[in-house]
Amino acid sequence: MNKPTNYNKKDVYEEKIAPLMDTVEALCKEHSIPFFFAAAVANTDRDTEYVNESRSALPMGVVLTDDKIVDHLKVCSGFRAIVPDSIPEIDI
């Protein structure tokens, strides 16, 4: 297994990326577009720190046929993804 890369980019996120995320969130809200964003802003041998931003569909009055945003939020909250019995083919 590879040794984890140690870094701390929280200041870069706050100074350069967070303002852009504020714009993305405002535009998504204005146009009723659900979204999910995750960034690993710091990492050590023991832990990874993430910043997660989202705007889920239902509070916007949007009903998605396949709402994967809810699943992303569950994983961020500590739920584990379960691999299905069969893996679907993906066209690339």
Protein backbone atom coordinates (compact mmCIF):
# COMPACT_ATOMS: atom_id res chain seq x y z
CA MET A 1 0.00 0.00 0.00
CA ASN A 2 1.26 3.50 -0.80
CA LYS A 3 2.22 5.86 2.01
CA PRO A 4 -0.37 8.64 2.46
CA THR A 5 0.55 12.08 1.16
CA ASN A 6 0.60 14.60 4.00
CA TYR A 7 -0.75 18.05 3.16
CA ASN A 8 -2.93 20.87 4.44
CA LYS A 9 -4.67 23.02 1.80
CA LYS A 10 -7.43 24.40 4.03
CA ASP A 11 -6.16 27.96 3.54
CA VAL A 12 -6.18 27.53 -0.26
CA TYR A 13 -9.73 26.20 -0.08
CA GLU A 14 -10.92 29.10 2.08
CA GLU A 15 -9.19 31.80 0.04
CA LYS A 16 -9.69 30.57 -3.52
CA ILE A 17 -12.25 27.79 -3.75
CA ALA A 18 -14.88 28.68 -1.11
CA PRO A 19 -15.80 31.94 -2.87
CA LEU A 20 -16.30 30.00 -6.11
CA MET A 21 -18.42 27.44 -4.26
CA ASP A 22 -20.56 30.29 -2.91
CA THR A 23 -21.17 31.33 -6.52
CA VAL A 24 -21.90 27.75 -7.61
CA GLU A 25 -24.32 27.29 -4.72
CA ALA A 26 -26.13 30.55 -5.49
CA LEU A 27 -26.47 29.67 -9.17
CA CYS A 28 -27.66 26.16 -8.40
CA LYS A 29 -30.23 27.56 -5.95
CA GLU A 30 -31.39 30.17 -8.46
CA HIS A 31 -31.87 27.54 -11.17
CA SER A 32 -33.05 24.66 -8.91
CA ILE A 33 -30.07 22.44 -9.70
CA PRO A 34 -29.22 19.91 -6.98
CA PHE A 35 -25.48 19.37 -6.50
CA PHE A 36 -22.84 17.65 -4.42
CA PHE A 37 -19.17 18.64 -4.04
CA ALA A 38 -16.38 17.12 -1.94
CA ALA A 39 -12.76 18.19 -1.57
CA ALA A 40 -10.05 16.53 0.52
CA VAL A 41 -8.48 19.69 1.96
CA ALA A 42 -6.03 18.06 4.38
CA ASN A 43 -4.44 14.65 4.83
CA THR A 44 -2.14 12.99 7.37
CA ASP A 45 -1.01 9.45 8.08
CA ARG A 46 -4.07 9.12 10.36
CA ASP A 47 -6.90 11.16 8.84
CA THR A 48 -8.31 12.93 5.81
CA GLU A 49 -10.33 16.14 6.23
CA TYR A 50 -13.05 16.85 3.70
CA VAL A 51 -15.17 19.87 2.88
CA ASN A 52 -18.57 18.86 1.52
CA GLU A 53 -21.07 21.19 -0.07
CA SER A 54 -24.47 20.17 -1.32
CA ARG A 55 -27.94 21.25 -2.10
CA SER A 56 -30.29 18.29 -2.18
CA ALA A 57 -33.22 17.95 -4.51
CA LEU A 58 -36.32 17.54 -2.33
CA PRO A 59 -35.98 20.78 -0.31
CA MET A 60 -35.84 22.55 -3.71
CA GLY A 61 -39.04 20.84 -4.81
CA VAL A 62 -37.09 18.78 -7.36
CA VAL A 63 -37.79 15.06 -7.64
CA LEU A 64 -34.94 13.13 -9.24
CA THR A 65 -35.46 9.75 -10.87
CA ASP A 66 -32.15 8.48 -9.46
CA ASP A 67 -31.04 10.73 -6.58
CA LYS A 68 -27.40 9.79 -6.02
CA ILE A 69 -26.82 12.99 -4.00
CA VAL A 70 -28.58 11.36 -1.05
CA ASP A 71 -26.18 8.39 -1.33
CA HIS A 72 -23.14 10.70 -1.45
CA LEU A 73 -24.35 12.45 1.70
CA LYS A 74 -24.83 9.10 3.45
CA VAL A 75 -21.23 8.13 2.69
CA CYS A 76 -20.05 11.52 4.03
CA SER A 77 -21.98 10.76 7.22
CA GLY A 78 -20.14 7.47 7.73
CA PHE A 79 -22.32 4.96 5.94
CA ARG A 80 -20.38 2.36 3.93
CA ALA A 81 -21.10 1.72 0.27
CA ILE A 82 -21.97 -1.89 -0.50
CA VAL A 83 -20.72 -3.36 -3.76
CA PRO A 84 -23.62 -4.91 -5.74
CA ASP A 85 -23.63 -8.61 -6.66
CA SER A 86 -22.96 -7.69 -10.26
CA ILE A 87 -21.24 -4.62 -11.59
CA PRO A 88 -23.01 -3.00 -14.57
CA GLU A 89 -21.08 -2.34 -17.75
CA ILE A 90 -20.19 1.32 -18.27
CA ASP A 91 -19.67 2.81 -21.72
CA ILE A 92 -16.68 5.12 -21.72
